[in-house]
Amino acid sequence: MKKVFFLVLMLFSLSFSKEKTLLLDKFSNPVPLPSDKLIILNFMAYSCGHCMAEIPTIKKVLKEKEFEGKFIVIAFALDGKDNNFKDKDFPIYANNPKNQVLFPIFGTPTTYIINPSGKKLAVVYGALTEENLRKYLREALSKSASGRI
């Protein structure tokens, strides 16, 4: 009886713990999140022309001195069959639909900028341009630095 009570107590306490956001790939493997950078979650599809066109834009802007080393991209392909890590600057995981419970999408591309704890700093529905990506990155950095998250 004591063991059952202890087990229930442990499960109850774990349900209220403040763990990092758990994102999964298609195969239910956890996706590692860095603890020292802001995270750009890019929900995309290989079949989406706007999604494919924004990849070089995101990579270009993140190499700018203002943003370099402060962000990491983690992409999720809704139509992905396998994880694709060929591009170290833009790793693409085959998406697990469970991710969309925490980060709803209404179409592709959809981009979230979050802190390492999973707090949403910005969300963009639709394709990113260099100008609006810079705007959202600055906004995320400002919220992160001011503690408004």
N, C-alpha and C. Protein backbone atom coordinates (compact mmCIF):
# COMPACT_ATOMS: atom_id res chain seq x y z
N MET A 1 0.82 -1.19 0.00
CA MET A 1 0.00 0.00 0.00
C MET A 1 0.87 1.26 0.00
N LYS A 2 1.94 1.23 0.81
CA LYS A 2 2.83 2.38 0.85
C LYS A 2 3.49 2.62 -0.51
N LYS A 3 3.83 1.52 -1.20
CA LYS A 3 4.46 1.65 -2.51
C LYS A 3 3.51 2.29 -3.52
N VAL A 4 2.27 1.90 -3.48
CA VAL A 4 1.26 2.46 -4.40
C VAL A 4 1.08 3.95 -4.10
N PHE A 5 0.96 4.29 -2.83
CA PHE A 5 0.81 5.69 -2.45
C PHE A 5 2.02 6.50 -2.91
N PHE A 6 3.21 5.98 -2.70
CA PHE A 6 4.42 6.67 -3.11
C PHE A 6 4.45 6.86 -4.62
N LEU A 7 4.07 5.84 -5.38
CA LEU A 7 4.05 5.93 -6.83
C LEU A 7 3.05 6.98 -7.31
N VAL A 8 1.88 7.01 -6.73
CA VAL A 8 0.86 8.02 -7.09
C VAL A 8 1.37 9.41 -6.74
N LEU A 9 1.98 9.56 -5.60
CA LEU A 9 2.54 10.85 -5.19
C LEU A 9 3.62 11.32 -6.16
N MET A 10 4.48 10.41 -6.59
CA MET A 10 5.55 10.75 -7.54
C MET A 10 4.96 11.20 -8.88
N LEU A 11 4.00 10.45 -9.39
CA LEU A 11 3.37 10.80 -10.66
C LEU A 11 2.67 12.15 -10.57
N PHE A 12 2.00 12.39 -9.46
CA PHE A 12 1.31 13.66 -9.26
C PHE A 12 2.30 14.82 -9.25
N SER A 13 3.40 14.66 -8.54
CA SER A 13 4.39 15.74 -8.46
C SER A 13 5.08 15.97 -9.80
N LEU A 14 5.30 14.91 -10.56
CA LEU A 14 5.91 15.07 -11.87
C LEU A 14 5.01 15.82 -12.83
N SER A 15 3.71 15.65 -12.69
CA SER A 15 2.79 16.33 -13.60
C SER A 15 2.81 17.84 -13.40
N PHE A 16 3.28 18.32 -12.25
CA PHE A 16 3.36 19.74 -12.00
C PHE A 16 4.79 20.28 -12.07
N SER A 17 5.72 19.47 -12.47
CA SER A 17 7.11 19.96 -12.55
C SER A 17 7.27 20.84 -13.78
N LYS A 18 8.24 21.74 -13.73
CA LYS A 18 8.47 22.67 -14.83
C LYS A 18 9.61 22.15 -15.70
N GLU A 19 9.30 21.16 -16.50
CA GLU A 19 10.29 20.61 -17.40
C GLU A 19 10.32 21.44 -18.67
N LYS A 20 11.40 21.29 -19.42
CA LYS A 20 11.50 21.94 -20.72
C LYS A 20 10.44 21.36 -21.64
N THR A 21 10.09 22.15 -22.63
CA THR A 21 9.12 21.68 -23.62
C THR A 21 9.65 20.42 -24.26
N LEU A 22 8.81 19.42 -24.33
CA LEU A 22 9.20 18.18 -24.95
C LEU A 22 8.64 18.12 -26.35
N LEU A 23 9.52 18.18 -27.32
CA LEU A 23 9.15 18.02 -28.72
C LEU A 23 9.62 16.66 -29.18
N LEU A 24 8.86 16.07 -30.07
CA LEU A 24 9.15 14.72 -30.53
C LEU A 24 9.29 14.68 -32.04
N ASP A 25 10.14 13.76 -32.51
CA ASP A 25 10.17 13.51 -33.94
C ASP A 25 9.08 12.49 -34.27
N LYS A 26 8.95 12.18 -35.53
CA LYS A 26 7.90 11.26 -36.00
C LYS A 26 7.95 9.91 -35.29
N PHE A 27 9.13 9.53 -34.84
CA PHE A 27 9.34 8.23 -34.23
C PHE A 27 9.24 8.27 -32.71
N SER A 28 8.73 9.40 -32.18
CA SER A 28 8.54 9.66 -30.75
C SER A 28 9.84 9.78 -29.97
N ASN A 29 10.93 10.09 -30.66
CA ASN A 29 12.19 10.38 -29.99
C ASN A 29 12.19 11.85 -29.57
N PRO A 30 12.65 12.17 -28.36
CA PRO A 30 12.71 13.57 -27.95
C PRO A 30 13.70 14.37 -28.80
N VAL A 31 13.32 15.59 -29.10
CA VAL A 31 14.18 16.50 -29.84
C VAL A 31 14.92 17.35 -28.81
N PRO A 32 16.26 17.30 -28.82
CA PRO A 32 17.01 18.07 -27.81
C PRO A 32 16.90 19.57 -28.04
N LEU A 33 16.65 20.29 -26.95
CA LEU A 33 16.59 21.75 -27.00
C LEU A 33 17.78 22.32 -26.25
N PRO A 34 18.44 23.32 -26.82
CA PRO A 34 19.57 23.93 -26.12
C PRO A 34 19.08 24.74 -24.92
N SER A 35 19.93 24.89 -23.94
CA SER A 35 19.55 25.66 -22.76
C SER A 35 20.15 27.06 -22.78
N ASP A 36 20.94 27.37 -23.80
CA ASP A 36 21.65 28.64 -23.83
C ASP A 36 21.32 29.53 -25.03
N LYS A 37 20.30 29.17 -25.82
CA LYS A 37 19.93 29.95 -27.00
C LYS A 37 18.43 30.01 -27.13
N LEU A 38 17.96 31.02 -27.83
CA LEU A 38 16.56 31.06 -28.19
C LEU A 38 16.37 30.11 -29.37
N ILE A 39 15.18 29.58 -29.49
CA ILE A 39 14.93 28.50 -30.45
C ILE A 39 13.89 28.94 -31.47
N ILE A 40 14.22 28.75 -32.73
CA ILE A 40 13.29 29.01 -33.81
C ILE A 40 12.72 27.66 -34.23
N LEU A 41 11.42 27.47 -33.98
CA LEU A 41 10.74 26.24 -34.39
C LEU A 41 10.04 26.55 -35.71
N ASN A 42 10.48 25.89 -36.75
CA ASN A 42 9.92 26.15 -38.08
C ASN A 42 9.14 24.93 -38.53
N PHE A 43 7.82 25.06 -38.57
CA PHE A 43 6.96 23.98 -39.06
C PHE A 43 6.76 24.20 -40.55
N MET A 44 7.20 23.22 -41.32
CA MET A 44 7.22 23.37 -42.77
C MET A 44 6.83 22.08 -43.44
N ALA A 45 6.80 22.12 -44.77
CA ALA A 45 6.54 20.92 -45.57
C ALA A 45 7.46 20.97 -46.78
N TYR A 46 7.98 19.82 -47.16
CA TYR A 46 8.82 19.75 -48.34
C TYR A 46 8.02 20.13 -49.59
N SER A 47 6.72 19.90 -49.57
CA SER A 47 5.86 20.20 -50.71
C SER A 47 5.43 21.67 -50.76
N CYS A 48 5.85 22.46 -49.80
CA CYS A 48 5.47 23.88 -49.70
C CYS A 48 6.58 24.75 -50.29
N GLY A 49 6.28 25.41 -51.39
CA GLY A 49 7.28 26.27 -52.04
C GLY A 49 7.76 27.40 -51.15
N HIS A 50 6.84 28.05 -50.41
CA HIS A 50 7.22 29.15 -49.52
C HIS A 50 8.13 28.64 -48.40
N CYS A 51 7.85 27.43 -47.93
CA CYS A 51 8.68 26.85 -46.86
C CYS A 51 10.12 26.65 -47.34
N MET A 52 10.25 26.08 -48.51
CA MET A 52 11.58 25.80 -49.04
C MET A 52 12.32 27.10 -49.37
N ALA A 53 11.58 28.11 -49.83
CA ALA A 53 12.20 29.38 -50.19
C ALA A 53 12.68 30.16 -48.96
N GLU A 54 12.05 29.95 -47.80
CA GLU A 54 12.46 30.73 -46.64
C GLU A 54 13.67 30.13 -45.91
N ILE A 55 14.04 28.91 -46.20
CA ILE A 55 15.20 28.30 -45.53
C ILE A 55 16.46 29.14 -45.74
N PRO A 56 16.82 29.52 -46.97
CA PRO A 56 18.03 30.35 -47.13
C PRO A 56 17.89 31.71 -46.46
N THR A 57 16.68 32.25 -46.41
CA THR A 57 16.45 33.54 -45.74
C THR A 57 16.75 33.42 -44.25
N ILE A 58 16.22 32.38 -43.61
CA ILE A 58 16.46 32.18 -42.18
C ILE A 58 17.95 31.99 -41.90
N LYS A 59 18.59 31.16 -42.69
CA LYS A 59 20.02 30.90 -42.49
C LYS A 59 20.84 32.17 -42.69
N LYS A 60 20.50 32.98 -43.68
CA LYS A 60 21.24 34.22 -43.96
C LYS A 60 21.11 35.20 -42.79
N VAL A 61 19.89 35.43 -42.33
CA VAL A 61 19.67 36.40 -41.25
C VAL A 61 20.34 35.94 -39.95
N LEU A 62 20.31 34.65 -39.67
CA LEU A 62 20.93 34.16 -38.43
C LEU A 62 22.46 34.26 -38.44
N LYS A 63 23.05 34.46 -39.61
CA LYS A 63 24.51 34.65 -39.68
C LYS A 63 24.91 36.10 -39.48
N GLU A 64 23.94 37.00 -39.43
CA GLU A 64 24.24 38.42 -39.21
C GLU A 64 24.75 38.61 -37.78
N LYS A 65 25.67 39.54 -37.64
CA LYS A 65 26.35 39.75 -36.35
C LYS A 65 25.38 39.93 -35.19
N GLU A 66 24.28 40.62 -35.43
CA GLU A 66 23.29 40.91 -34.38
C GLU A 66 22.65 39.64 -33.81
N PHE A 67 22.55 38.59 -34.64
CA PHE A 67 21.83 37.38 -34.25
C PHE A 67 22.70 36.14 -34.12
N GLU A 68 23.89 36.19 -34.65
CA GLU A 68 24.77 35.02 -34.69
C GLU A 68 25.04 34.47 -33.29
N GLY A 69 24.84 33.18 -33.14
CA GLY A 69 25.12 32.50 -31.88
C GLY A 69 24.05 32.65 -30.81
N LYS A 70 22.98 33.40 -31.12
CA LYS A 70 21.92 33.63 -30.13
C LYS A 70 20.69 32.76 -30.37
N PHE A 71 20.62 32.16 -31.54
CA PHE A 71 19.45 31.38 -31.92
C PHE A 71 19.89 30.04 -32.51
N ILE A 72 18.97 29.09 -32.45
CA ILE A 72 19.16 27.82 -33.14
C ILE A 72 17.83 27.50 -33.84
N VAL A 73 17.92 26.90 -35.02
CA VAL A 73 16.73 26.51 -35.76
C VAL A 73 16.49 25.03 -35.56
N ILE A 74 15.24 24.70 -35.32
CA ILE A 74 14.80 23.31 -35.31
C ILE A 74 13.54 23.27 -36.19
N ALA A 75 13.63 22.57 -37.30
CA ALA A 75 12.51 22.51 -38.23
C ALA A 75 11.80 21.17 -38.11
N PHE A 76 10.50 21.21 -38.40
CA PHE A 76 9.67 20.01 -38.40
C PHE A 76 8.94 19.94 -39.73
N ALA A 77 9.21 18.89 -40.49
CA ALA A 77 8.55 18.69 -41.77
C ALA A 77 7.27 17.90 -41.55
N LEU A 78 6.13 18.51 -41.85
CA LEU A 78 4.85 17.83 -41.66
C LEU A 78 4.70 16.66 -42.62
N ASP A 79 5.37 16.74 -43.75
CA ASP A 79 5.30 15.64 -44.72
C ASP A 79 6.61 14.84 -44.77
N GLY A 80 7.41 14.97 -43.71
CA GLY A 80 8.70 14.27 -43.66
C GLY A 80 8.54 12.81 -43.31
N LYS A 81 9.30 11.99 -44.00
CA LYS A 81 9.30 10.55 -43.70
C LYS A 81 10.44 10.17 -42.77
N ASP A 82 11.54 10.93 -42.83
CA ASP A 82 12.72 10.68 -42.01
C ASP A 82 13.30 12.00 -41.53
N ASN A 83 14.07 11.96 -40.45
CA ASN A 83 14.81 13.13 -40.00
C ASN A 83 15.92 13.42 -41.02
N ASN A 84 16.19 14.71 -41.23
CA ASN A 84 17.19 15.12 -42.20
C ASN A 84 18.16 16.09 -41.52
N PHE A 85 19.35 15.60 -41.23
CA PHE A 85 20.35 16.42 -40.55
C PHE A 85 21.53 16.76 -41.47
N LYS A 86 21.32 16.72 -42.78
CA LYS A 86 22.40 17.01 -43.74
C LYS A 86 22.90 18.44 -43.59
N ASP A 87 22.00 19.37 -43.29
CA ASP A 87 22.37 20.77 -43.12
C ASP A 87 22.41 21.05 -41.62
N LYS A 88 23.61 21.18 -41.06
CA LYS A 88 23.75 21.36 -39.61
C LYS A 88 23.13 22.67 -39.12
N ASP A 89 22.98 23.65 -40.01
CA ASP A 89 22.37 24.92 -39.63
C ASP A 89 20.85 24.90 -39.72
N PHE A 90 20.31 23.85 -40.32
CA PHE A 90 18.86 23.76 -40.48
C PHE A 90 18.41 22.30 -40.39
N PRO A 91 18.53 21.71 -39.20
CA PRO A 91 18.11 20.31 -39.05
C PRO A 91 16.60 20.19 -39.19
N ILE A 92 16.17 19.18 -39.92
CA ILE A 92 14.74 18.99 -40.15
C ILE A 92 14.33 17.63 -39.60
N TYR A 93 13.42 17.67 -38.65
CA TYR A 93 12.87 16.46 -38.06
C TYR A 93 11.55 16.13 -38.75
N ALA A 94 11.28 14.86 -38.94
CA ALA A 94 9.96 14.43 -39.39
C ALA A 94 9.02 14.70 -38.21
N ASN A 95 7.97 15.47 -38.44
CA ASN A 95 7.11 15.95 -37.35
C ASN A 95 6.26 14.86 -36.72
N ASN A 96 6.10 15.00 -35.41
CA ASN A 96 5.15 14.19 -34.66
C ASN A 96 3.94 15.09 -34.40
N PRO A 97 2.73 14.67 -34.75
CA PRO A 97 1.55 15.52 -34.55
C PRO A 97 1.37 16.02 -33.11
N LYS A 98 1.96 15.34 -32.13
CA LYS A 98 1.85 15.79 -30.74
C LYS A 98 2.47 17.18 -30.55
N ASN A 99 3.44 17.54 -31.40
CA ASN A 99 4.07 18.86 -31.30
C ASN A 99 3.05 19.98 -31.50
N GLN A 100 2.05 19.70 -32.31
CA GLN A 100 1.07 20.72 -32.66
C GLN A 100 0.06 20.97 -31.54
N VAL A 101 0.11 20.18 -30.48
CA VAL A 101 -0.70 20.47 -29.31
C VAL A 101 -0.10 21.68 -28.59
N LEU A 102 1.21 21.68 -28.43
CA LEU A 102 1.91 22.80 -27.79
C LEU A 102 2.08 24.00 -28.72
N PHE A 103 2.26 23.71 -29.99
CA PHE A 103 2.53 24.75 -30.98
C PHE A 103 1.58 24.57 -32.16
N PRO A 104 0.36 25.09 -32.04
CA PRO A 104 -0.62 24.91 -33.12
C PRO A 104 -0.17 25.58 -34.42
N ILE A 105 -0.48 24.92 -35.50
CA ILE A 105 -0.20 25.50 -36.81
C ILE A 105 -1.50 25.48 -37.61
N PHE A 106 -1.65 26.49 -38.46
CA PHE A 106 -2.84 26.60 -39.29
C PHE A 106 -2.48 26.51 -40.76
N GLY A 107 -1.26 26.17 -41.03
CA GLY A 107 -0.75 26.03 -42.39
C GLY A 107 0.75 26.14 -42.34
N THR A 108 1.37 25.91 -43.46
CA THR A 108 2.83 26.00 -43.52
C THR A 108 3.22 27.14 -44.44
N PRO A 109 4.31 27.80 -44.12
CA PRO A 109 5.13 27.65 -42.91
C PRO A 109 4.52 28.37 -41.71
N THR A 110 4.82 27.85 -40.55
CA THR A 110 4.51 28.50 -39.27
C THR A 110 5.78 28.46 -38.45
N THR A 111 6.13 29.59 -37.86
CA THR A 111 7.38 29.69 -37.11
C THR A 111 7.10 30.25 -35.72
N TYR A 112 7.64 29.56 -34.73
CA TYR A 112 7.60 30.02 -33.34
C TYR A 112 9.02 30.34 -32.92
N ILE A 113 9.17 31.38 -32.12
CA ILE A 113 10.44 31.64 -31.44
C ILE A 113 10.15 31.46 -29.96
N ILE A 114 10.90 30.56 -29.34
CA ILE A 114 10.67 30.22 -27.93
C ILE A 114 11.98 30.34 -27.15
N ASN A 115 11.85 30.43 -25.83
CA ASN A 115 13.04 30.38 -25.00
C ASN A 115 13.30 28.91 -24.64
N PRO A 116 14.42 28.61 -23.98
CA PRO A 116 14.74 27.21 -23.67
C PRO A 116 13.70 26.50 -22.80
N SER A 117 12.88 27.26 -22.07
CA SER A 117 11.83 26.66 -21.25
C SER A 117 10.55 26.41 -22.03
N GLY A 118 10.52 26.85 -23.28
CA GLY A 118 9.35 26.63 -24.12
C GLY A 118 8.36 27.78 -24.16
N LYS A 119 8.69 28.89 -23.50
CA LYS A 119 7.81 30.06 -23.54
C LYS A 119 7.82 30.67 -24.93
N LYS A 120 6.64 30.97 -25.44
CA LYS A 120 6.50 31.54 -26.78
C LYS A 120 6.84 33.03 -26.73
N LEU A 121 7.80 33.43 -27.56
CA LEU A 121 8.20 34.82 -27.64
C LEU A 121 7.63 35.49 -28.87
N ALA A 122 7.41 34.71 -29.92
CA ALA A 122 6.84 35.24 -31.16
C ALA A 122 6.30 34.08 -31.97
N VAL A 123 5.30 34.38 -32.80
CA VAL A 123 4.76 33.39 -33.72
C VAL A 123 4.49 34.08 -35.05
N VAL A 124 4.83 33.40 -36.12
CA VAL A 124 4.62 33.93 -37.47
C VAL A 124 3.89 32.87 -38.28
N TYR A 125 2.71 33.24 -38.76
CA TYR A 125 1.97 32.36 -39.66
C TYR A 125 2.24 32.85 -41.07
N GLY A 126 2.83 32.00 -41.89
CA GLY A 126 3.17 32.38 -43.25
C GLY A 126 4.66 32.54 -43.42
N ALA A 127 5.04 32.84 -44.65
CA ALA A 127 6.46 32.91 -45.00
C ALA A 127 7.15 34.10 -44.37
N LEU A 128 8.39 33.88 -43.99
CA LEU A 128 9.23 34.93 -43.43
C LEU A 128 10.00 35.65 -44.53
N THR A 129 10.08 36.96 -44.40
CA THR A 129 10.99 37.74 -45.23
C THR A 129 12.16 38.13 -44.35
N GLU A 130 13.23 38.61 -44.93
CA GLU A 130 14.37 39.05 -44.12
C GLU A 130 13.94 40.12 -43.13
N GLU A 131 13.15 41.08 -43.60
CA GLU A 131 12.74 42.20 -42.74
C GLU A 131 11.89 41.74 -41.56
N ASN A 132 10.86 40.92 -41.84
CA ASN A 132 10.02 40.55 -40.69
C ASN A 132 10.71 39.54 -39.79
N LEU A 133 11.60 38.71 -40.32
CA LEU A 133 12.37 37.81 -39.46
C LEU A 133 13.24 38.62 -38.50
N ARG A 134 13.92 39.64 -39.01
CA ARG A 134 14.74 40.49 -38.13
C ARG A 134 13.88 41.11 -37.03
N LYS A 135 12.70 41.59 -37.42
CA LYS A 135 11.78 42.21 -36.45
C LYS A 135 11.42 41.22 -35.35
N TYR A 136 11.05 40.01 -35.71
CA TYR A 136 10.65 39.01 -34.71
C TYR A 136 11.83 38.55 -33.87
N LEU A 137 13.00 38.44 -34.45
CA LEU A 137 14.19 38.05 -33.68
C LEU A 137 14.53 39.13 -32.65
N ARG A 138 14.46 40.39 -33.07
CA ARG A 138 14.73 41.49 -32.13
C ARG A 138 13.70 41.51 -31.00
N GLU A 139 12.45 41.29 -31.36
CA GLU A 139 11.38 41.25 -30.36
C GLU A 139 11.63 40.12 -29.35
N ALA A 140 12.02 38.98 -29.83
CA ALA A 140 12.30 37.83 -28.96
C ALA A 140 13.49 38.12 -28.05
N LEU A 141 14.54 38.69 -28.60
CA LEU A 141 15.71 39.04 -27.78
C LEU A 141 15.32 40.06 -26.71
N SER A 142 14.52 41.03 -27.08
CA SER A 142 14.10 42.06 -26.12
C SER A 142 13.26 41.46 -25.00
N LYS A 143 12.30 40.61 -25.33
CA LYS A 143 11.47 39.97 -24.31
C LYS A 143 12.33 39.08 -23.41
N SER A 144 13.27 38.38 -24.01
CA SER A 144 14.13 37.48 -23.24
C SER A 144 15.01 38.28 -22.28
N ALA A 145 15.58 39.38 -22.75
CA ALA A 145 16.47 40.19 -21.93
C ALA A 145 15.73 40.93 -20.82
N SER A 146 14.50 41.33 -21.08
CA SER A 146 13.75 42.10 -20.09
C SER A 146 13.04 41.25 -19.07
N GLY A 147 13.04 39.94 -19.30
CA GLY A 147 12.37 39.04 -18.38
C GLY A 147 10.86 39.06 -18.50
N ARG A 148 10.33 39.57 -19.62
CA ARG A 148 8.88 39.64 -19.82
C ARG A 148 8.31 38.29 -20.27
N ILE A 149 9.08 37.26 -20.08
CA ILE A 149 8.62 35.95 -20.53
C ILE A 149 8.42 35.02 -19.35
